[in-house]
Amino acid sequence: TSFFKSVGVTSADVGIKVNSRKVLAAILKMYGIDDDKFEAVCVIVDKLDKIGPDETVQLLRDAQVSDEAARKIVASLSLRSIGELQELVGEHPVAAD
């Protein structure tokens, strides 16, 4: 961190992207995605950066995910902090996993 400070980089300039199947599984479980759809949904959400949120939502709907769940899944993948993730998960039972 001292290097970053020495070149004037702050936490506002840097982001860390969490890429965890465990976190994704918990989020998907919150929105009612069964284990049998997990792999298919993962393939779709892996495309989010390339195809954008609207197309991702459409592909999720095509995979039999409800519109509401699809939108919430995509929104949750756009969270910008651990705090936002904690707020989303809250006291939901999957948070304990």
Protein backbone atom coordinates (compact mmCIF):
# COMPACT_ATOMS: atom_id res chain seq x y z
CA THR A 1 0.00 0.00 0.00
CA SER A 2 2.90 2.38 0.56
CA PHE A 3 3.79 2.12 -3.14
CA PHE A 4 0.28 3.15 -4.14
CA LYS A 5 0.37 6.08 -1.73
CA SER A 6 3.76 7.17 -3.10
CA VAL A 7 2.37 7.40 -6.63
CA GLY A 8 -0.86 9.06 -5.54
CA VAL A 9 -3.21 6.11 -5.98
CA THR A 10 -6.05 5.95 -3.45
CA SER A 11 -8.81 3.45 -2.74
CA ALA A 12 -11.05 5.57 -4.98
CA ASP A 13 -8.76 4.67 -7.90
CA VAL A 14 -8.59 0.93 -7.30
CA GLY A 15 -11.23 -1.77 -7.31
CA ILE A 16 -11.13 -5.43 -6.49
CA LYS A 17 -13.43 -7.79 -8.32
CA VAL A 18 -14.57 -10.82 -6.37
CA ASN A 19 -14.69 -13.91 -8.54
CA SER A 20 -15.98 -16.64 -6.27
CA ARG A 21 -18.29 -19.48 -7.19
CA LYS A 22 -19.20 -19.75 -3.51
CA VAL A 23 -20.39 -16.14 -3.39
CA LEU A 24 -22.19 -16.54 -6.71
CA ALA A 25 -23.84 -19.75 -5.51
CA ALA A 26 -25.10 -17.97 -2.39
CA ILE A 27 -26.52 -15.10 -4.44
CA LEU A 28 -28.18 -17.47 -6.89
CA LYS A 29 -29.65 -19.51 -4.06
CA MET A 30 -31.11 -16.30 -2.59
CA TYR A 31 -33.01 -15.78 -5.83
CA GLY A 32 -34.29 -19.33 -6.05
CA ILE A 33 -31.86 -20.77 -8.57
CA ASP A 34 -31.74 -24.52 -8.01
CA ASP A 35 -28.55 -26.54 -8.19
CA ASP A 36 -29.69 -28.03 -11.50
CA LYS A 37 -29.63 -24.55 -13.11
CA PHE A 38 -26.41 -23.39 -11.44
CA GLU A 39 -24.00 -24.26 -14.27
CA ALA A 40 -26.22 -22.82 -17.00
CA VAL A 41 -26.71 -19.60 -15.06
CA CYS A 42 -22.96 -19.34 -14.40
CA VAL A 43 -22.25 -19.59 -18.12
CA ILE A 44 -24.70 -16.76 -18.75
CA VAL A 45 -23.51 -14.41 -16.01
CA ASP A 46 -19.90 -14.96 -17.09
CA LYS A 47 -20.89 -13.10 -20.27
CA LEU A 48 -22.16 -10.01 -18.40
CA ASP A 49 -19.10 -7.84 -19.11
CA LYS A 50 -19.17 -8.72 -22.81
CA ILE A 51 -22.89 -8.52 -23.58
CA GLY A 52 -24.17 -6.08 -20.97
CA PRO A 53 -26.94 -6.29 -18.39
CA ASP A 54 -29.98 -6.21 -20.70
CA GLU A 55 -28.82 -9.12 -22.84
CA THR A 56 -27.75 -11.04 -19.72
CA VAL A 57 -31.22 -10.61 -18.23
CA GLN A 58 -32.75 -11.84 -21.49
CA LEU A 59 -30.53 -14.92 -21.56
CA LEU A 60 -31.43 -15.68 -17.96
CA ARG A 61 -35.13 -15.40 -18.80
CA ASP A 62 -34.54 -17.73 -21.77
CA ALA A 63 -33.03 -20.18 -19.26
CA GLN A 64 -36.30 -20.17 -17.28
CA VAL A 65 -35.18 -17.68 -14.61
CA SER A 66 -37.96 -15.28 -13.63
CA ASP A 67 -37.63 -11.69 -14.82
CA GLU A 68 -37.43 -10.41 -11.24
CA ALA A 69 -34.73 -12.91 -10.26
CA ALA A 70 -32.78 -12.25 -13.47
CA ARG A 71 -32.75 -8.49 -12.84
CA LYS A 72 -31.75 -8.94 -9.19
CA ILE A 73 -28.97 -11.36 -10.10
CA VAL A 74 -27.53 -8.94 -12.65
CA ALA A 75 -27.83 -6.03 -10.20
CA SER A 76 -26.10 -8.01 -7.47
CA LEU A 77 -23.18 -8.72 -9.81
CA SER A 78 -22.69 -4.99 -10.21
CA LEU A 79 -22.16 -4.28 -6.52
CA ARG A 80 -19.17 -2.07 -5.82
CA SER A 81 -18.18 -3.01 -2.28
CA ILE A 82 -18.17 -5.74 0.32
CA GLY A 83 -20.52 -3.54 2.34
CA GLU A 84 -23.06 -3.57 -0.48
CA LEU A 85 -22.77 -7.35 -0.67
CA GLN A 86 -23.29 -7.67 3.08
CA GLU A 87 -26.30 -5.37 2.83
CA LEU A 88 -27.75 -7.47 0.01
CA VAL A 89 -27.25 -10.79 1.79
CA GLY A 90 -28.03 -9.45 5.27
CA GLU A 91 -29.43 -12.10 7.53
CA HIS A 92 -30.44 -14.39 4.68
CA PRO A 93 -29.70 -18.03 5.56
CA VAL A 94 -27.24 -18.37 2.66
CA ALA A 95 -25.01 -15.79 4.36
CA ALA A 96 -24.19 -18.37 7.01
CA ASP A 97 -22.86 -20.88 4.45
